[in-house]
């Protein structure tokens, strides 16, 4: 089961474009696995759970990146407005 797991540290090293592509791949794999599960031909039902967790990890890292960029913009905007007042 561990072979399907994506580590958060590995995900944090990737760019936003790579994360988006990986998210699409994981979602399509999840769809495929769910179809196989309905037909009863899935090898490992635990793989569905692991893929769902991978998707959650990817979305979490993407959210962290967006919050970090928001904070950077806010801090930069605050610094610029303070310079204008001085």
PDB file of N, CA and C in Angstrom:
ATOM      1  N   UNK A   1       0.826  -1.198   0.000  1.00  0.00           N
ATOM      2  CA  UNK A   1       0.000   0.000   0.000  1.00  0.00           C
ATOM      3  C   UNK A   1       0.866   1.256   0.000  1.00  0.00           C
ATOM      4  N   UNK A   2       2.038   1.191   0.563  1.00  0.00           N
ATOM      5  CA  UNK A   2       2.897   2.368   0.656  1.00  0.00           C
ATOM      6  C   UNK A   2       3.417   2.818  -0.705  1.00  0.00           C
ATOM      7  N   UNK A   3       3.394   1.940  -1.685  1.00  0.00           N
ATOM      8  CA  UNK A   3       3.942   2.315  -2.985  1.00  0.00           C
ATOM      9  C   UNK A   3       3.074   3.330  -3.725  1.00  0.00           C
ATOM     10  N   UNK A   4       1.833   3.501  -3.297  1.00  0.00           N
ATOM     11  CA  UNK A   4       0.937   4.461  -3.944  1.00  0.00           C
ATOM     12  C   UNK A   4       0.992   5.824  -3.276  1.00  0.00           C
ATOM     13  N   UNK A   5       1.583   5.907  -2.098  1.00  0.00           N
ATOM     14  CA  UNK A   5       1.539   7.119  -1.285  1.00  0.00           C
ATOM     15  C   UNK A   5       2.512   8.182  -1.793  1.00  0.00           C
ATOM     16  N   UNK A   6       2.019   9.393  -1.886  1.00  0.00           N
ATOM     17  CA  UNK A   6       2.858  10.542  -2.236  1.00  0.00           C
ATOM     18  C   UNK A   6       3.176  11.283  -0.946  1.00  0.00           C
ATOM     19  N   UNK A   7       4.446  11.551  -0.706  1.00  0.00           N
ATOM     20  CA  UNK A   7       4.805  12.221   0.537  1.00  0.00           C
ATOM     21  C   UNK A   7       4.597  13.732   0.402  1.00  0.00           C
ATOM     22  N   UNK A   8       4.147  14.366   1.475  1.00  0.00           N
ATOM     23  CA  UNK A   8       3.954  15.821   1.434  1.00  0.00           C
ATOM     24  C   UNK A   8       5.255  16.569   1.138  1.00  0.00           C
ATOM     25  N   UNK A   9       6.368  16.067   1.636  1.00  0.00           N
ATOM     26  CA  UNK A   9       7.652  16.732   1.368  1.00  0.00           C
ATOM     27  C   UNK A   9       7.972  16.709  -0.124  1.00  0.00           C
ATOM     28  N   UNK A  10       7.699  15.583  -0.768  1.00  0.00           N
ATOM     29  CA  UNK A  10       7.928  15.486  -2.208  1.00  0.00           C
ATOM     30  C   UNK A  10       7.004  16.436  -2.962  1.00  0.00           C
ATOM     31  N   UNK A  11       5.772  16.538  -2.515  1.00  0.00           N
ATOM     32  CA  UNK A  11       4.811  17.424  -3.180  1.00  0.00           C
ATOM     33  C   UNK A  11       5.196  18.891  -3.026  1.00  0.00           C
ATOM     34  N   UNK A  12       5.744  19.251  -1.871  1.00  0.00           N
ATOM     35  CA  UNK A  12       6.120  20.650  -1.636  1.00  0.00           C
ATOM     36  C   UNK A  12       7.291  21.088  -2.510  1.00  0.00           C
ATOM     37  N   UNK A  13       8.058  20.145  -3.001  1.00  0.00           N
ATOM     38  CA  UNK A  13       9.201  20.458  -3.858  1.00  0.00           C
ATOM     39  C   UNK A  13       8.769  20.725  -5.304  1.00  0.00           C
ATOM     40  N   UNK A  14       7.546  20.380  -5.641  1.00  0.00           N
ATOM     41  CA  UNK A  14       7.070  20.514  -7.022  1.00  0.00           C
ATOM     42  C   UNK A  14       6.465  21.893  -7.265  1.00  0.00           C
ATOM     43  N   UNK A  15       6.406  22.256  -8.538  1.00  0.00           N
ATOM     44  CA  UNK A  15       5.804  23.535  -8.914  1.00  0.00           C
ATOM     45  C   UNK A  15       4.286  23.387  -8.976  1.00  0.00           C
ATOM     46  N   UNK A  16       3.612  24.509  -9.074  1.00  0.00           N
ATOM     47  CA  UNK A  16       2.154  24.506  -9.136  1.00  0.00           C
ATOM     48  C   UNK A  16       1.658  23.780 -10.382  1.00  0.00           C
ATOM     49  N   UNK A  17       2.366  23.943 -11.493  1.00  0.00           N
ATOM     50  CA  UNK A  17       1.969  23.272 -12.733  1.00  0.00           C
ATOM     51  C   UNK A  17       2.088  21.753 -12.592  1.00  0.00           C
ATOM     52  N   UNK A  18       3.173  21.310 -11.961  1.00  0.00           N
ATOM     53  CA  UNK A  18       3.359  19.867 -11.753  1.00  0.00           C
ATOM     54  C   UNK A  18       2.285  19.317 -10.820  1.00  0.00           C
ATOM     55  N   UNK A  19       1.942  20.077  -9.786  1.00  0.00           N
ATOM     56  CA  UNK A  19       0.899  19.633  -8.863  1.00  0.00           C
ATOM     57  C   UNK A  19      -0.450  19.535  -9.562  1.00  0.00           C
ATOM     58  N   UNK A  20      -0.742  20.504 -10.425  1.00  0.00           N
ATOM     59  CA  UNK A  20      -2.008  20.487 -11.154  1.00  0.00           C
ATOM     60  C   UNK A  20      -2.086  19.272 -12.070  1.00  0.00           C
ATOM     61  N   UNK A  21      -0.990  18.976 -12.759  1.00  0.00           N
ATOM     62  CA  UNK A  21      -0.954  17.818 -13.643  1.00  0.00           C
ATOM     63  C   UNK A  21      -1.095  16.522 -12.844  1.00  0.00           C
ATOM     64  N   UNK A  22      -0.406  16.436 -11.719  1.00  0.00           N
ATOM     65  CA  UNK A  22      -0.480  15.253 -10.873  1.00  0.00           C
ATOM     66  C   UNK A  22      -1.884  15.076 -10.311  1.00  0.00           C
ATOM     67  N   UNK A  23      -2.534  16.173  -9.958  1.00  0.00           N
ATOM     68  CA  UNK A  23      -3.903  16.120  -9.460  1.00  0.00           C
ATOM     69  C   UNK A  23      -4.843  15.559 -10.516  1.00  0.00           C
ATOM     70  N   UNK A  24      -4.691  16.004 -11.753  1.00  0.00           N
ATOM     71  CA  UNK A  24      -5.527  15.485 -12.839  1.00  0.00           C
ATOM     72  C   UNK A  24      -5.290  13.986 -13.042  1.00  0.00           C
ATOM     73  N   UNK A  25      -4.026  13.570 -12.971  1.00  0.00           N
ATOM     74  CA  UNK A  25      -3.703  12.145 -13.137  1.00  0.00           C
ATOM     75  C   UNK A  25      -4.329  11.311 -12.022  1.00  0.00           C
ATOM     76  N   UNK A  26      -4.222  11.797 -10.800  1.00  0.00           N
ATOM     77  CA  UNK A  26      -4.769  11.060  -9.662  1.00  0.00           C
ATOM     78  C   UNK A  26      -6.290  10.975  -9.742  1.00  0.00           C
ATOM     79  N   UNK A  27      -6.923  12.059 -10.156  1.00  0.00           N
ATOM     80  CA  UNK A  27      -8.387  12.047 -10.276  1.00  0.00           C
ATOM     81  C   UNK A  27      -8.845  11.092 -11.380  1.00  0.00           C
ATOM     82  N   UNK A  28      -8.123  11.059 -12.492  1.00  0.00           N
ATOM     83  CA  UNK A  28      -8.515  10.136 -13.560  1.00  0.00           C
ATOM     84  C   UNK A  28      -8.274   8.689 -13.134  1.00  0.00           C
ATOM     85  N   UNK A  29      -7.196   8.446 -12.396  1.00  0.00           N
ATOM     86  CA  UNK A  29      -6.936   7.100 -11.893  1.00  0.00           C
ATOM     87  C   UNK A  29      -8.017   6.674 -10.902  1.00  0.00           C
ATOM     88  N   UNK A  30      -8.464   7.606 -10.062  1.00  0.00           N
ATOM     89  CA  UNK A  30      -9.529   7.311  -9.109  1.00  0.00           C
ATOM     90  C   UNK A  30     -10.818   6.946  -9.838  1.00  0.00           C
ATOM     91  N   UNK A  31     -11.137   7.697 -10.876  1.00  0.00           N
ATOM     92  CA  UNK A  31     -12.330   7.393 -11.676  1.00  0.00           C
ATOM     93  C   UNK A  31     -12.231   6.003 -12.283  1.00  0.00           C
ATOM     94  N   UNK A  32     -11.080   5.691 -12.824  1.00  0.00           N
ATOM     95  CA  UNK A  32     -10.856   4.377 -13.420  1.00  0.00           C
ATOM     96  C   UNK A  32     -11.003   3.267 -12.384  1.00  0.00           C
ATOM     97  N   UNK A  33     -10.421   3.478 -11.212  1.00  0.00           N
ATOM     98  CA  UNK A  33     -10.499   2.463 -10.161  1.00  0.00           C
ATOM     99  C   UNK A  33     -11.929   2.277  -9.666  1.00  0.00           C
ATOM    100  N   UNK A  34     -12.676   3.361  -9.588  1.00  0.00           N
ATOM    101  CA  UNK A  34     -14.068   3.253  -9.139  1.00  0.00           C
ATOM    102  C   UNK A  34     -14.897   2.462 -10.152  1.00  0.00           C
ATOM    103  N   UNK A  35     -14.620   2.657 -11.434  1.00  0.00           N
ATOM    104  CA  UNK A  35     -15.332   1.884 -12.458  1.00  0.00           C
ATOM    105  C   UNK A  35     -14.983   0.405 -12.360  1.00  0.00           C
ATOM    106  N   UNK A  36     -13.710   0.117 -12.123  1.00  0.00           N
ATOM    107  CA  UNK A  36     -13.290  -1.275 -11.949  1.00  0.00           C
ATOM    108  C   UNK A  36     -13.938  -1.885 -10.712  1.00  0.00           C
ATOM    109  N   UNK A  37     -14.061  -1.097  -9.660  1.00  0.00           N
ATOM    110  CA  UNK A  37     -14.669  -1.597  -8.431  1.00  0.00           C
ATOM    111  C   UNK A  37     -16.139  -1.945  -8.654  1.00  0.00           C
ATOM    112  N   UNK A  38     -16.819  -1.145  -9.471  1.00  0.00           N
ATOM    113  CA  UNK A  38     -18.217  -1.430  -9.765  1.00  0.00           C
ATOM    114  C   UNK A  38     -18.379  -2.723 -10.557  1.00  0.00           C
ATOM    115  N   UNK A  39     -17.415  -2.996 -11.424  1.00  0.00           N
ATOM    116  CA  UNK A  39     -17.495  -4.228 -12.210  1.00  0.00           C
ATOM    117  C   UNK A  39     -16.926  -5.421 -11.440  1.00  0.00           C
ATOM    118  N   UNK A  40     -16.289  -5.152 -10.299  1.00  0.00           N
ATOM    119  CA  UNK A  40     -15.781  -6.224  -9.463  1.00  0.00           C
ATOM    120  C   UNK A  40     -14.414  -6.745  -9.862  1.00  0.00           C
ATOM    121  N   UNK A  41     -13.684  -6.023 -10.681  1.00  0.00           N
ATOM    122  CA  UNK A  41     -12.397  -6.520 -11.161  1.00  0.00           C
ATOM    123  C   UNK A  41     -11.203  -5.745 -10.606  1.00  0.00           C
ATOM    124  N   UNK A  42     -11.365  -5.140  -9.428  1.00  0.00           N
ATOM    125  CA  UNK A  42     -10.269  -4.362  -8.848  1.00  0.00           C
ATOM    126  C   UNK A  42      -9.350  -5.289  -8.041  1.00  0.00           C
ATOM    127  N   UNK A  43      -8.046  -5.052  -8.160  1.00  0.00           N
ATOM    128  CA  UNK A  43      -7.066  -5.882  -7.465  1.00  0.00           C
ATOM    129  C   UNK A  43      -6.998  -5.536  -5.982  1.00  0.00           C
ATOM    130  N   UNK A  44      -6.904  -4.254  -5.692  1.00  0.00           N
ATOM    131  CA  UNK A  44      -6.719  -3.810  -4.316  1.00  0.00           C
ATOM    132  C   UNK A  44      -7.664  -2.659  -3.998  1.00  0.00           C
ATOM    133  N   UNK A  45      -8.731  -2.924  -3.250  1.00  0.00           N
ATOM    134  CA  UNK A  45      -9.657  -1.849  -2.895  1.00  0.00           C
ATOM    135  C   UNK A  45      -8.996  -0.754  -2.062  1.00  0.00           C
ATOM    136  N   UNK A  46      -7.929  -1.081  -1.368  1.00  0.00           N
ATOM    137  CA  UNK A  46      -7.230  -0.084  -0.549  1.00  0.00           C
ATOM    138  C   UNK A  46      -6.584   0.987  -1.413  1.00  0.00           C
ATOM    139  N   UNK A  47      -6.343   0.671  -2.680  1.00  0.00           N
ATOM    140  CA  UNK A  47      -5.719   1.643  -3.574  1.00  0.00           C
ATOM    141  C   UNK A  47      -6.637   2.850  -3.778  1.00  0.00           C
ATOM    142  N   UNK A  48      -7.942   2.641  -3.781  1.00  0.00           N
ATOM    143  CA  UNK A  48      -8.893   3.747  -3.928  1.00  0.00           C
ATOM    144  C   UNK A  48      -8.734   4.716  -2.768  1.00  0.00           C
ATOM    145  N   UNK A  49      -8.655   4.186  -1.569  1.00  0.00           N
ATOM    146  CA  UNK A  49      -8.493   5.027  -0.383  1.00  0.00           C
ATOM    147  C   UNK A  49      -7.177   5.803  -0.445  1.00  0.00           C
ATOM    148  N   UNK A  50      -6.114   5.140  -0.882  1.00  0.00           N
ATOM    149  CA  UNK A  50      -4.806   5.794  -0.954  1.00  0.00           C
ATOM    150  C   UNK A  50      -4.795   6.903  -2.009  1.00  0.00           C
ATOM    151  N   UNK A  51      -5.459   6.673  -3.138  1.00  0.00           N
ATOM    152  CA  UNK A  51      -5.550   7.697  -4.186  1.00  0.00           C
ATOM    153  C   UNK A  51      -6.326   8.907  -3.662  1.00  0.00           C
ATOM    154  N   UNK A  52      -7.409   8.655  -2.929  1.00  0.00           N
ATOM    155  CA  UNK A  52      -8.177   9.762  -2.349  1.00  0.00           C
ATOM    156  C   UNK A  52      -7.325  10.574  -1.379  1.00  0.00           C
ATOM    157  N   UNK A  53      -6.508   9.893  -0.595  1.00  0.00           N
ATOM    158  CA  UNK A  53      -5.624  10.592   0.337  1.00  0.00           C
ATOM    159  C   UNK A  53      -4.562  11.385  -0.421  1.00  0.00           C
ATOM    160  N   UNK A  54      -4.056  10.814  -1.520  1.00  0.00           N
ATOM    161  CA  UNK A  54      -3.083  11.539  -2.345  1.00  0.00           C
ATOM    162  C   UNK A  54      -3.689  12.822  -2.889  1.00  0.00           C
ATOM    163  N   UNK A  55      -4.930  12.739  -3.351  1.00  0.00           N
ATOM    164  CA  UNK A  55      -5.620  13.918  -3.879  1.00  0.00           C
ATOM    165  C   UNK A  55      -5.746  14.974  -2.784  1.00  0.00           C
ATOM    166  N   UNK A  56      -6.093  14.553  -1.577  1.00  0.00           N
ATOM    167  CA  UNK A  56      -6.211  15.489  -0.460  1.00  0.00           C
ATOM    168  C   UNK A  56      -4.861  16.115  -0.140  1.00  0.00           C
ATOM    169  N   UNK A  57      -3.792  15.326  -0.197  1.00  0.00           N
ATOM    170  CA  UNK A  57      -2.454  15.872   0.063  1.00  0.00           C
ATOM    171  C   UNK A  57      -2.078  16.920  -0.982  1.00  0.00           C
ATOM    172  N   UNK A  58      -2.362  16.617  -2.238  1.00  0.00           N
ATOM    173  CA  UNK A  58      -2.037  17.549  -3.322  1.00  0.00           C
ATOM    174  C   UNK A  58      -2.808  18.850  -3.137  1.00  0.00           C
ATOM    175  N   UNK A  59      -4.106  18.744  -2.849  1.00  0.00           N
ATOM    176  CA  UNK A  59      -4.922  19.940  -2.654  1.00  0.00           C
ATOM    177  C   UNK A  59      -4.448  20.751  -1.448  1.00  0.00           C
ATOM    178  N   UNK A  60      -4.000  20.067  -0.403  1.00  0.00           N
ATOM    179  CA  UNK A  60      -3.482  20.760   0.779  1.00  0.00           C
ATOM    180  C   UNK A  60      -2.230  21.557   0.439  1.00  0.00           C
ATOM    181  N   UNK A  61      -1.315  20.937  -0.291  1.00  0.00           N
ATOM    182  CA  UNK A  61      -0.074  21.623  -0.665  1.00  0.00           C
ATOM    183  C   UNK A  61      -0.384  22.794  -1.598  1.00  0.00           C
ATOM    184  N   UNK A  62      -1.319  22.603  -2.521  1.00  0.00           N
ATOM    185  CA  UNK A  62      -1.695  23.690  -3.423  1.00  0.00           C
ATOM    186  C   UNK A  62      -2.307  24.852  -2.627  1.00  0.00           C
ATOM    187  N   UNK A  63      -3.108  24.531  -1.618  1.00  0.00           N
ATOM    188  CA  UNK A  63      -3.704  25.563  -0.768  1.00  0.00           C
ATOM    189  C   UNK A  63      -2.621  26.296   0.015  1.00  0.00           C
ATOM    190  N   UNK A  64      -1.629  25.559   0.505  1.00  0.00           N
ATOM    191  CA  UNK A  64      -0.506  26.188   1.209  1.00  0.00           C
ATOM    192  C   UNK A  64       0.222  27.172   0.292  1.00  0.00           C
ATOM    193  N   UNK A  65       0.436  26.761  -0.955  1.00  0.00           N
ATOM    194  CA  UNK A  65       1.122  27.637  -1.905  1.00  0.00           C
ATOM    195  C   UNK A  65       0.317  28.902  -2.176  1.00  0.00           C
ATOM    196  N   UNK A  66      -0.992  28.751  -2.338  1.00  0.00           N
ATOM    197  CA  UNK A  66      -1.809  29.931  -2.624  1.00  0.00           C
ATOM    198  C   UNK A  66      -1.864  30.858  -1.415  1.00  0.00           C
ATOM    199  N   UNK A  67      -1.917  30.300  -0.225  1.00  0.00           N
ATOM    200  CA  UNK A  67      -1.923  31.145   0.979  1.00  0.00           C
ATOM    201  C   UNK A  67      -0.593  31.855   1.148  1.00  0.00           C
ATOM    202  N   UNK A  68       0.484  31.153   0.821  1.00  0.00           N
ATOM    203  CA  UNK A  68       1.808  31.767   0.934  1.00  0.00           C
ATOM    204  C   UNK A  68       1.923  32.935  -0.039  1.00  0.00           C
ATOM    205  N   UNK A  69       1.422  32.764  -1.257  1.00  0.00           N
ATOM    206  CA  UNK A  69       1.498  33.852  -2.235  1.00  0.00           C
ATOM    207  C   UNK A  69       0.578  35.006  -1.828  1.00  0.00           C
ATOM    208  N   UNK A  70      -0.563  34.693  -1.217  1.00  0.00           N
ATOM    209  CA  UNK A  70      -1.463  35.742  -0.732  1.00  0.00           C
ATOM    210  C   UNK A  70      -0.797  36.546   0.375  1.00  0.00           C
ATOM    211  N   UNK A  71      -0.120  35.858   1.288  1.00  0.00           N
ATOM    212  CA  UNK A  71       0.557  36.549   2.383  1.00  0.00           C
ATOM    213  C   UNK A  71       1.690  37.412   1.860  1.00  0.00           C
ATOM    214  N   UNK A  72       2.399  36.915   0.864  1.00  0.00           N
ATOM    215  CA  UNK A  72       3.490  37.684   0.277  1.00  0.00           C
ATOM    216  C   UNK A  72       2.953  38.955  -0.365  1.00  0.00           C
ATOM    217  N   UNK A  73       1.840  38.850  -1.078  1.00  0.00           N
ATOM    218  CA  UNK A  73       1.238  40.029  -1.705  1.00  0.00           C
ATOM    219  C   UNK A  73       0.746  41.011  -0.653  1.00  0.00           C
ATOM    220  N   UNK A  74       0.165  40.503   0.429  1.00  0.00           N
ATOM    221  CA  UNK A  74      -0.350  41.364   1.488  1.00  0.00           C
ATOM    222  C   UNK A  74       0.794  42.094   2.182  1.00  0.00           C
ATOM    223  N   UNK A  75       1.870  41.382   2.474  1.00  0.00           N
ATOM    224  CA  UNK A  75       3.017  42.003   3.127  1.00  0.00           C
ATOM    225  C   UNK A  75       3.645  43.048   2.214  1.00  0.00           C
ATOM    226  N   UNK A  76       3.766  42.737   0.931  1.00  0.00           N
ATOM    227  CA  UNK A  76       4.339  43.686  -0.019  1.00  0.00           C
ATOM    228  C   UNK A  76       3.450  44.918  -0.155  1.00  0.00           C
ATOM    229  N   UNK A  77       2.137  44.715  -0.186  1.00  0.00           N
ATOM    230  CA  UNK A  77       1.207  45.821  -0.283  1.00  0.00           C
ATOM    231  C   UNK A  77       1.247  46.700   0.944  1.00  0.00           C
ATOM    232  N   UNK A  78       1.384  46.080   2.106  1.00  0.00           N
ATOM    233  CA  UNK A  78       1.471  46.841   3.361  1.00  0.00           C
ATOM    234  C   UNK A  78       2.749  47.653   3.402  1.00  0.00           C
ATOM    235  N   UNK A  79       3.873  47.079   2.960  1.00  0.00           N
ATOM    236  CA  UNK A  79       5.148  47.786   2.952  1.00  0.00           C
ATOM    237  C   UNK A  79       5.095  48.971   2.001  1.00  0.00           C
ATOM    238  N   UNK A  80       4.462  48.788   0.848  1.00  0.00           N
ATOM    239  CA  UNK A  80       4.362  49.891  -0.128  1.00  0.00           C
ATOM    240  C   UNK A  80       3.503  51.024   0.398  1.00  0.00           C
ATOM    241  N   UNK A  81       2.406  50.688   1.075  1.00  0.00           N
ATOM    242  CA  UNK A  81       1.530  51.738   1.590  1.00  0.00           C
ATOM    243  C   UNK A  81       2.174  52.479   2.742  1.00  0.00           C
ATOM    244  N   UNK A  82       3.001  51.805   3.535  1.00  0.00           N
ATOM    245  CA  UNK A  82       3.692  52.474   4.634  1.00  0.00           C
ATOM    246  C   UNK A  82       4.767  53.406   4.124  1.00  0.00           C
ATOM    247  N   UNK A  83       5.410  53.047   3.012  1.00  0.00           N
ATOM    248  CA  UNK A  83       6.444  53.899   2.434  1.00  0.00           C
ATOM    249  C   UNK A  83       5.835  55.196   1.914  1.00  0.00           C
ATOM    250  N   UNK A  84       4.632  55.112   1.383  1.00  0.00           N
ATOM    251  CA  UNK A  84       3.973  56.297   0.857  1.00  0.00           C
ATOM    252  C   UNK A  84       3.544  57.253   1.955  1.00  0.00           C
ATOM    253  N   UNK A  85       3.302  56.743   3.158  1.00  0.00           N
ATOM    254  CA  UNK A  85       2.847  57.580   4.267  1.00  0.00           C
ATOM    255  C   UNK A  85       4.001  58.316   4.938  1.00  0.00           C
ATOM    256  N   UNK A  86       5.193  57.759   4.828  1.00  0.00           N
ATOM    257  CA  UNK A  86       6.328  58.289   5.571  1.00  0.00           C
ATOM    258  C   UNK A  86       6.923  59.471   4.979  1.00  0.00           C
TER     259      UNK A  86
END
